[in-house]
N, C-alpha and C. Protein backbone atom coordinates (compact mmCIF):
# COMPACT_ATOMS: atom_id res chain seq x y z
N MET A 1 -18.07 0.82 -16.93
CA MET A 1 -17.97 2.18 -16.47
C MET A 1 -18.54 3.09 -17.56
N ASN A 2 -19.41 4.00 -17.14
CA ASN A 2 -19.97 4.97 -18.07
C ASN A 2 -19.03 6.14 -18.24
N LYS A 3 -19.00 6.69 -19.42
CA LYS A 3 -18.15 7.85 -19.70
C LYS A 3 -19.01 8.97 -20.24
N ILE A 4 -18.71 10.17 -19.79
CA ILE A 4 -19.38 11.36 -20.28
C ILE A 4 -18.31 12.29 -20.82
N TYR A 5 -18.48 12.73 -22.03
CA TYR A 5 -17.54 13.66 -22.64
C TYR A 5 -18.26 14.96 -22.92
N ILE A 6 -17.68 16.06 -22.48
CA ILE A 6 -18.18 17.38 -22.82
C ILE A 6 -17.05 18.10 -23.53
N ASN A 7 -17.19 18.27 -24.81
CA ASN A 7 -16.14 18.90 -25.59
C ASN A 7 -16.31 20.41 -25.58
N LYS A 8 -15.30 21.10 -25.08
CA LYS A 8 -15.27 22.55 -25.08
C LYS A 8 -13.88 22.99 -25.48
N LYS A 9 -13.81 24.13 -26.12
CA LYS A 9 -12.50 24.67 -26.47
C LYS A 9 -11.79 25.08 -25.18
N GLY A 10 -10.52 24.83 -25.14
CA GLY A 10 -9.72 25.19 -23.98
C GLY A 10 -8.43 24.41 -23.98
N ASN A 11 -7.61 24.69 -23.00
CA ASN A 11 -6.29 24.07 -22.92
C ASN A 11 -6.19 22.95 -21.90
N ALA A 12 -7.23 22.78 -21.08
CA ALA A 12 -7.16 21.80 -19.99
C ALA A 12 -8.31 20.81 -20.08
N THR A 13 -8.06 19.65 -19.49
CA THR A 13 -9.06 18.59 -19.40
C THR A 13 -9.24 18.22 -17.94
N LEU A 14 -10.48 18.06 -17.53
CA LEU A 14 -10.80 17.58 -16.20
C LEU A 14 -11.28 16.14 -16.34
N VAL A 15 -10.62 15.25 -15.62
CA VAL A 15 -10.98 13.83 -15.63
C VAL A 15 -11.54 13.51 -14.25
N MET A 16 -12.73 12.91 -14.20
CA MET A 16 -13.34 12.56 -12.92
C MET A 16 -13.89 11.14 -12.96
N VAL A 17 -13.74 10.46 -11.84
CA VAL A 17 -14.42 9.19 -11.62
C VAL A 17 -15.31 9.43 -10.42
N MET A 18 -16.60 9.25 -10.61
CA MET A 18 -17.57 9.43 -9.52
C MET A 18 -18.16 8.07 -9.15
N ILE A 19 -18.02 7.73 -7.89
CA ILE A 19 -18.50 6.45 -7.39
C ILE A 19 -19.68 6.72 -6.46
N PRO A 20 -20.82 6.10 -6.70
CA PRO A 20 -22.01 6.40 -5.89
C PRO A 20 -21.97 5.78 -4.49
N ILE A 21 -20.96 6.20 -3.72
CA ILE A 21 -20.79 5.76 -2.34
C ILE A 21 -20.41 6.99 -1.52
N GLY A 22 -21.12 7.20 -0.44
CA GLY A 22 -20.81 8.33 0.44
C GLY A 22 -21.36 8.07 1.82
N SER A 23 -21.27 9.08 2.67
CA SER A 23 -21.63 8.91 4.08
C SER A 23 -23.11 8.57 4.28
N TYR A 24 -23.96 8.98 3.38
CA TYR A 24 -25.39 8.68 3.49
C TYR A 24 -25.64 7.17 3.60
N TYR A 25 -24.85 6.39 2.92
CA TYR A 25 -25.06 4.94 2.84
C TYR A 25 -24.39 4.16 3.98
N GLU A 26 -23.66 4.85 4.84
CA GLU A 26 -22.91 4.18 5.90
C GLU A 26 -23.77 3.98 7.15
N PRO A 27 -23.69 2.82 7.77
CA PRO A 27 -24.35 2.66 9.07
C PRO A 27 -23.66 3.58 10.09
N ASN A 28 -24.38 4.04 11.10
CA ASN A 28 -23.82 4.97 12.08
C ASN A 28 -22.56 4.45 12.76
N ARG A 29 -22.46 3.15 12.95
CA ARG A 29 -21.31 2.61 13.67
C ARG A 29 -20.00 2.73 12.89
N ILE A 30 -20.08 2.98 11.57
CA ILE A 30 -18.85 3.15 10.78
C ILE A 30 -18.88 4.45 9.98
N LYS A 31 -19.54 5.47 10.53
CA LYS A 31 -19.61 6.76 9.84
C LYS A 31 -18.19 7.27 9.57
N GLY A 32 -17.97 7.73 8.37
CA GLY A 32 -16.68 8.27 7.97
C GLY A 32 -15.84 7.29 7.16
N VAL A 33 -16.30 6.05 7.02
CA VAL A 33 -15.48 5.04 6.33
C VAL A 33 -15.29 5.37 4.85
N SER A 34 -16.30 5.94 4.20
CA SER A 34 -16.14 6.31 2.78
C SER A 34 -15.06 7.37 2.62
N HIS A 35 -15.07 8.34 3.51
CA HIS A 35 -14.06 9.40 3.48
C HIS A 35 -12.67 8.84 3.77
N PHE A 36 -12.60 7.94 4.74
CA PHE A 36 -11.32 7.32 5.08
C PHE A 36 -10.78 6.54 3.88
N LEU A 37 -11.65 5.79 3.21
CA LEU A 37 -11.21 5.01 2.05
C LEU A 37 -10.80 5.92 0.89
N GLU A 38 -11.49 7.04 0.74
CA GLU A 38 -11.10 8.01 -0.29
C GLU A 38 -9.67 8.47 -0.05
N HIS A 39 -9.34 8.80 1.19
CA HIS A 39 -7.97 9.20 1.52
C HIS A 39 -7.00 8.06 1.22
N PHE A 40 -7.41 6.87 1.61
CA PHE A 40 -6.51 5.72 1.50
C PHE A 40 -6.21 5.34 0.05
N CYS A 41 -7.11 5.64 -0.86
CA CYS A 41 -6.85 5.31 -2.27
C CYS A 41 -5.62 6.02 -2.80
N PHE A 42 -5.23 7.13 -2.17
CA PHE A 42 -4.04 7.86 -2.61
C PHE A 42 -2.74 7.25 -2.08
N LYS A 43 -2.84 6.18 -1.32
CA LYS A 43 -1.64 5.52 -0.78
C LYS A 43 -0.95 4.66 -1.84
N GLY A 44 -1.63 4.44 -2.95
CA GLY A 44 -1.04 3.66 -4.04
C GLY A 44 -2.05 2.70 -4.63
N THR A 45 -1.65 2.12 -5.74
CA THR A 45 -2.49 1.13 -6.43
C THR A 45 -1.65 -0.13 -6.64
N LYS A 46 -2.25 -1.09 -7.30
CA LYS A 46 -1.51 -2.32 -7.60
C LYS A 46 -0.34 -2.07 -8.53
N THR A 47 -0.40 -0.96 -9.29
CA THR A 47 0.67 -0.69 -10.26
C THR A 47 1.42 0.62 -10.02
N ARG A 48 0.95 1.45 -9.06
CA ARG A 48 1.58 2.75 -8.81
C ARG A 48 1.76 2.99 -7.32
N THR A 49 2.88 3.59 -6.96
CA THR A 49 3.07 4.06 -5.59
C THR A 49 2.42 5.44 -5.47
N ARG A 50 2.31 5.91 -4.24
CA ARG A 50 1.80 7.28 -4.02
C ARG A 50 2.64 8.28 -4.81
N LYS A 51 3.94 8.10 -4.77
CA LYS A 51 4.84 9.00 -5.49
C LYS A 51 4.61 8.94 -7.00
N ASP A 52 4.39 7.74 -7.53
CA ASP A 52 4.10 7.59 -8.97
C ASP A 52 2.84 8.35 -9.36
N ILE A 53 1.82 8.28 -8.50
CA ILE A 53 0.56 8.98 -8.76
C ILE A 53 0.80 10.49 -8.80
N ASP A 54 1.49 10.99 -7.79
CA ASP A 54 1.78 12.43 -7.73
C ASP A 54 2.61 12.90 -8.92
N ILE A 55 3.67 12.15 -9.22
CA ILE A 55 4.55 12.55 -10.31
C ILE A 55 3.83 12.54 -11.65
N ALA A 56 2.99 11.55 -11.86
CA ALA A 56 2.28 11.44 -13.13
C ALA A 56 1.45 12.70 -13.41
N ILE A 57 0.71 13.15 -12.43
CA ILE A 57 -0.19 14.30 -12.63
C ILE A 57 0.52 15.62 -12.34
N GLU A 58 1.09 15.76 -11.17
CA GLU A 58 1.72 17.02 -10.80
C GLU A 58 3.01 17.27 -11.58
N GLY A 59 3.62 16.19 -12.02
CA GLY A 59 4.85 16.31 -12.82
C GLY A 59 4.64 16.96 -14.18
N VAL A 60 3.39 16.99 -14.64
CA VAL A 60 3.07 17.66 -15.91
C VAL A 60 2.29 18.95 -15.64
N GLY A 61 2.33 19.43 -14.38
CA GLY A 61 1.67 20.68 -14.03
C GLY A 61 0.20 20.54 -13.72
N GLY A 62 -0.26 19.33 -13.52
CA GLY A 62 -1.68 19.10 -13.25
C GLY A 62 -2.00 19.12 -11.77
N ASP A 63 -3.28 19.04 -11.47
CA ASP A 63 -3.79 18.94 -10.11
C ASP A 63 -4.54 17.62 -9.97
N ILE A 64 -4.44 17.03 -8.78
CA ILE A 64 -5.16 15.79 -8.50
C ILE A 64 -5.73 15.89 -7.10
N ASN A 65 -6.96 15.41 -6.93
CA ASN A 65 -7.58 15.45 -5.62
C ASN A 65 -8.81 14.55 -5.62
N ALA A 66 -9.52 14.58 -4.51
CA ALA A 66 -10.73 13.78 -4.37
C ALA A 66 -11.60 14.42 -3.31
N TYR A 67 -12.85 14.02 -3.27
CA TYR A 67 -13.73 14.44 -2.20
C TYR A 67 -14.80 13.38 -1.99
N THR A 68 -15.36 13.41 -0.78
CA THR A 68 -16.48 12.53 -0.45
C THR A 68 -17.63 13.41 -0.03
N SER A 69 -18.81 13.11 -0.53
CA SER A 69 -20.03 13.80 -0.10
C SER A 69 -20.95 12.78 0.53
N GLU A 70 -22.17 13.19 0.79
CA GLU A 70 -23.14 12.24 1.33
C GLU A 70 -23.45 11.13 0.33
N GLU A 71 -23.50 11.47 -0.95
CA GLU A 71 -23.95 10.51 -1.96
C GLU A 71 -22.86 9.93 -2.85
N LEU A 72 -21.68 10.55 -2.90
CA LEU A 72 -20.67 10.01 -3.81
C LEU A 72 -19.25 10.31 -3.37
N THR A 73 -18.35 9.56 -3.94
CA THR A 73 -16.92 9.79 -3.78
C THR A 73 -16.38 10.08 -5.17
N CYS A 74 -15.60 11.14 -5.29
CA CYS A 74 -15.12 11.59 -6.59
C CYS A 74 -13.59 11.73 -6.56
N TYR A 75 -12.95 11.17 -7.56
CA TYR A 75 -11.51 11.32 -7.77
C TYR A 75 -11.35 12.13 -9.04
N TRP A 76 -10.46 13.13 -9.04
CA TRP A 76 -10.33 13.97 -10.22
C TRP A 76 -8.90 14.44 -10.45
N ALA A 77 -8.64 14.76 -11.70
CA ALA A 77 -7.36 15.36 -12.09
C ALA A 77 -7.63 16.37 -13.20
N LYS A 78 -6.90 17.46 -13.15
CA LYS A 78 -6.98 18.47 -14.21
C LYS A 78 -5.58 18.60 -14.79
N VAL A 79 -5.50 18.42 -16.11
CA VAL A 79 -4.21 18.43 -16.81
C VAL A 79 -4.36 19.17 -18.14
N ALA A 80 -3.22 19.49 -18.73
CA ALA A 80 -3.23 20.03 -20.09
C ALA A 80 -3.81 18.96 -21.01
N ASN A 81 -4.50 19.40 -22.04
CA ASN A 81 -5.17 18.46 -22.95
C ASN A 81 -4.26 17.34 -23.45
N LYS A 82 -3.01 17.65 -23.71
CA LYS A 82 -2.12 16.63 -24.27
C LYS A 82 -1.84 15.49 -23.28
N HIS A 83 -2.19 15.66 -22.01
CA HIS A 83 -1.96 14.63 -20.99
C HIS A 83 -3.24 13.93 -20.54
N LYS A 84 -4.34 14.16 -21.26
CA LYS A 84 -5.63 13.63 -20.79
C LYS A 84 -5.67 12.10 -20.76
N ASP A 85 -5.06 11.43 -21.72
CA ASP A 85 -5.09 9.96 -21.71
C ASP A 85 -4.36 9.41 -20.49
N MET A 86 -3.24 10.03 -20.14
CA MET A 86 -2.50 9.62 -18.96
C MET A 86 -3.35 9.86 -17.71
N ALA A 87 -4.03 11.00 -17.63
CA ALA A 87 -4.86 11.32 -16.47
C ALA A 87 -6.02 10.34 -16.34
N ILE A 88 -6.61 9.98 -17.45
CA ILE A 88 -7.69 8.99 -17.42
C ILE A 88 -7.17 7.67 -16.84
N ASN A 89 -5.99 7.27 -17.27
CA ASN A 89 -5.39 6.04 -16.80
C ASN A 89 -5.09 6.10 -15.30
N VAL A 90 -4.52 7.21 -14.84
CA VAL A 90 -4.15 7.34 -13.43
C VAL A 90 -5.40 7.38 -12.54
N ILE A 91 -6.38 8.19 -12.90
CA ILE A 91 -7.58 8.32 -12.07
C ILE A 91 -8.37 7.01 -12.05
N THR A 92 -8.47 6.35 -13.17
CA THR A 92 -9.16 5.06 -13.21
C THR A 92 -8.43 4.04 -12.33
N ASP A 93 -7.11 4.00 -12.42
CA ASP A 93 -6.32 3.09 -11.61
C ASP A 93 -6.51 3.40 -10.12
N LEU A 94 -6.47 4.66 -9.78
CA LEU A 94 -6.63 5.10 -8.39
C LEU A 94 -7.97 4.64 -7.82
N ALA A 95 -9.02 4.77 -8.60
CA ALA A 95 -10.36 4.42 -8.12
C ALA A 95 -10.64 2.92 -8.13
N LEU A 96 -10.05 2.20 -9.07
CA LEU A 96 -10.40 0.79 -9.23
C LEU A 96 -9.39 -0.20 -8.64
N ASN A 97 -8.15 0.24 -8.43
CA ASN A 97 -7.11 -0.70 -7.99
C ASN A 97 -6.33 -0.24 -6.77
N PRO A 98 -6.97 0.36 -5.77
CA PRO A 98 -6.20 0.84 -4.63
C PRO A 98 -5.67 -0.30 -3.78
N ILE A 99 -4.58 0.00 -3.10
CA ILE A 99 -4.07 -0.91 -2.07
C ILE A 99 -4.32 -0.23 -0.73
N PHE A 100 -4.35 -0.98 0.32
CA PHE A 100 -4.64 -0.42 1.63
C PHE A 100 -3.57 -0.87 2.62
N PRO A 101 -2.40 -0.22 2.58
CA PRO A 101 -1.31 -0.64 3.47
C PRO A 101 -1.65 -0.40 4.95
N VAL A 102 -1.64 -1.45 5.72
CA VAL A 102 -2.00 -1.40 7.13
C VAL A 102 -1.12 -0.40 7.88
N LYS A 103 0.15 -0.30 7.52
CA LYS A 103 1.07 0.59 8.23
C LYS A 103 0.69 2.06 8.09
N GLU A 104 -0.19 2.39 7.16
CA GLU A 104 -0.59 3.78 6.92
C GLU A 104 -1.86 4.18 7.66
N ILE A 105 -2.53 3.24 8.33
CA ILE A 105 -3.82 3.53 8.95
C ILE A 105 -3.72 4.63 10.00
N ASP A 106 -2.78 4.51 10.93
CA ASP A 106 -2.66 5.50 12.00
C ASP A 106 -2.28 6.87 11.45
N LYS A 107 -1.40 6.90 10.44
CA LYS A 107 -1.02 8.18 9.83
C LYS A 107 -2.24 8.86 9.21
N GLU A 108 -3.04 8.09 8.50
CA GLU A 108 -4.20 8.67 7.83
C GLU A 108 -5.27 9.08 8.84
N ARG A 109 -5.38 8.34 9.91
CA ARG A 109 -6.31 8.72 10.98
C ARG A 109 -5.96 10.10 11.51
N GLU A 110 -4.67 10.37 11.70
CA GLU A 110 -4.22 11.68 12.18
C GLU A 110 -4.53 12.78 11.16
N VAL A 111 -4.36 12.49 9.88
CA VAL A 111 -4.69 13.46 8.84
C VAL A 111 -6.17 13.83 8.92
N ILE A 112 -7.00 12.83 9.09
CA ILE A 112 -8.45 13.07 9.14
C ILE A 112 -8.84 13.81 10.42
N ILE A 113 -8.18 13.52 11.53
CA ILE A 113 -8.44 14.26 12.77
C ILE A 113 -8.11 15.74 12.57
N GLN A 114 -7.00 16.01 11.88
CA GLN A 114 -6.66 17.41 11.58
C GLN A 114 -7.71 18.04 10.67
N GLU A 115 -8.22 17.27 9.73
CA GLU A 115 -9.27 17.75 8.84
C GLU A 115 -10.54 18.08 9.64
N LEU A 116 -10.90 17.23 10.59
CA LEU A 116 -12.05 17.49 11.46
C LEU A 116 -11.88 18.82 12.19
N LYS A 117 -10.69 19.07 12.71
CA LYS A 117 -10.42 20.32 13.42
C LYS A 117 -10.51 21.51 12.48
N MET A 118 -10.03 21.33 11.26
CA MET A 118 -10.09 22.41 10.27
C MET A 118 -11.55 22.75 9.96
N TYR A 119 -12.39 21.73 9.77
CA TYR A 119 -13.81 21.98 9.50
C TYR A 119 -14.48 22.67 10.68
N ALA A 120 -14.12 22.29 11.90
CA ALA A 120 -14.71 22.91 13.09
C ALA A 120 -14.33 24.39 13.18
N ASP A 121 -13.15 24.74 12.67
CA ASP A 121 -12.69 26.13 12.68
C ASP A 121 -13.27 26.96 11.54
N ASN A 122 -13.92 26.30 10.58
CA ASN A 122 -14.50 27.00 9.43
C ASN A 122 -15.98 27.25 9.72
N PRO A 123 -16.39 28.52 9.87
CA PRO A 123 -17.79 28.79 10.22
C PRO A 123 -18.81 28.18 9.26
N GLN A 124 -18.55 28.21 7.96
CA GLN A 124 -19.51 27.66 7.00
C GLN A 124 -19.67 26.15 7.20
N SER A 125 -18.55 25.44 7.35
CA SER A 125 -18.62 23.99 7.58
C SER A 125 -19.30 23.68 8.90
N ALA A 126 -18.94 24.43 9.94
CA ALA A 126 -19.50 24.18 11.26
C ALA A 126 -21.01 24.39 11.27
N VAL A 127 -21.48 25.44 10.60
CA VAL A 127 -22.93 25.70 10.54
C VAL A 127 -23.65 24.61 9.77
N CYS A 128 -23.08 24.18 8.65
CA CYS A 128 -23.71 23.11 7.85
C CYS A 128 -23.82 21.82 8.67
N GLU A 129 -22.74 21.47 9.38
CA GLU A 129 -22.78 20.26 10.19
C GLU A 129 -23.78 20.38 11.34
N LEU A 130 -23.84 21.56 11.96
CA LEU A 130 -24.79 21.78 13.04
C LEU A 130 -26.24 21.70 12.52
N PHE A 131 -26.48 22.30 11.36
CA PHE A 131 -27.82 22.23 10.76
C PHE A 131 -28.22 20.78 10.53
N ASN A 132 -27.33 20.00 9.91
CA ASN A 132 -27.64 18.59 9.64
C ASN A 132 -27.92 17.82 10.93
N LYS A 133 -27.16 18.12 11.96
CA LYS A 133 -27.34 17.42 13.23
C LYS A 133 -28.68 17.76 13.87
N ILE A 134 -29.10 19.02 13.74
CA ILE A 134 -30.38 19.45 14.32
C ILE A 134 -31.56 19.00 13.46
N TYR A 135 -31.43 19.15 12.15
CA TYR A 135 -32.55 18.93 11.25
C TYR A 135 -32.84 17.46 10.97
N TYR A 136 -31.79 16.67 10.76
CA TYR A 136 -31.97 15.27 10.37
C TYR A 136 -31.90 14.34 11.59
N PRO A 137 -32.73 13.32 11.63
CA PRO A 137 -32.66 12.36 12.73
C PRO A 137 -31.40 11.48 12.59
N GLU A 138 -31.00 10.88 13.70
CA GLU A 138 -29.80 10.03 13.70
C GLU A 138 -29.91 8.87 12.72
N ILE A 139 -31.10 8.40 12.45
CA ILE A 139 -31.25 7.25 11.54
C ILE A 139 -31.10 7.64 10.07
N SER A 140 -31.08 8.94 9.80
CA SER A 140 -30.88 9.37 8.42
C SER A 140 -29.40 9.28 8.08
N GLY A 141 -29.08 9.36 6.83
CA GLY A 141 -27.69 9.35 6.41
C GLY A 141 -27.03 10.71 6.46
N TYR A 142 -27.79 11.73 6.92
CA TYR A 142 -27.28 13.11 6.89
C TYR A 142 -26.97 13.68 8.26
N HIS A 143 -27.34 13.01 9.33
CA HIS A 143 -27.20 13.54 10.69
C HIS A 143 -25.74 13.75 11.09
N PHE A 144 -24.88 12.79 10.77
CA PHE A 144 -23.48 12.88 11.18
C PHE A 144 -22.61 13.45 10.05
N PRO A 145 -21.49 14.08 10.40
CA PRO A 145 -20.60 14.65 9.37
C PRO A 145 -20.05 13.57 8.43
N ILE A 146 -19.72 13.98 7.24
CA ILE A 146 -19.17 13.07 6.21
C ILE A 146 -17.88 12.41 6.69
N VAL A 147 -17.06 13.18 7.42
CA VAL A 147 -15.77 12.64 7.86
C VAL A 147 -15.88 11.71 9.05
N GLY A 148 -17.06 11.59 9.61
CA GLY A 148 -17.27 10.67 10.72
C GLY A 148 -17.70 11.41 11.98
N LYS A 149 -17.96 10.63 13.00
CA LYS A 149 -18.43 11.24 14.26
C LYS A 149 -17.44 11.05 15.37
């Protein structure tokens, strides 16, 4: 794993793991799988439960989240500098050691359906998705929305 350090004065550290996998690389028949897996990584790891992940970062006043784009999936946490080693450990664990509990599939599907509705209600998101659908051919990795079709 490559590491990039940018040292700046301040009180907070942002830890990110960027994985070069996104919707662009997905075949049309499984569009949205990268986004689904991004969500699922928060269900726990081999060594942490979902609650352990939340408590580790949010318990020290930090933020944790992730996103999927066409080209990458990113997991990140922002914490006070004194907690950066812990954040590095949690984010790395989240990205490299996820578990995929089968019992959570339907729950996460519903979360993503709600996310689809939220994007449809957001004019900026709706216009971007419409542009991609009109401009890019179906065989491109950009025609369908990141969250799936």
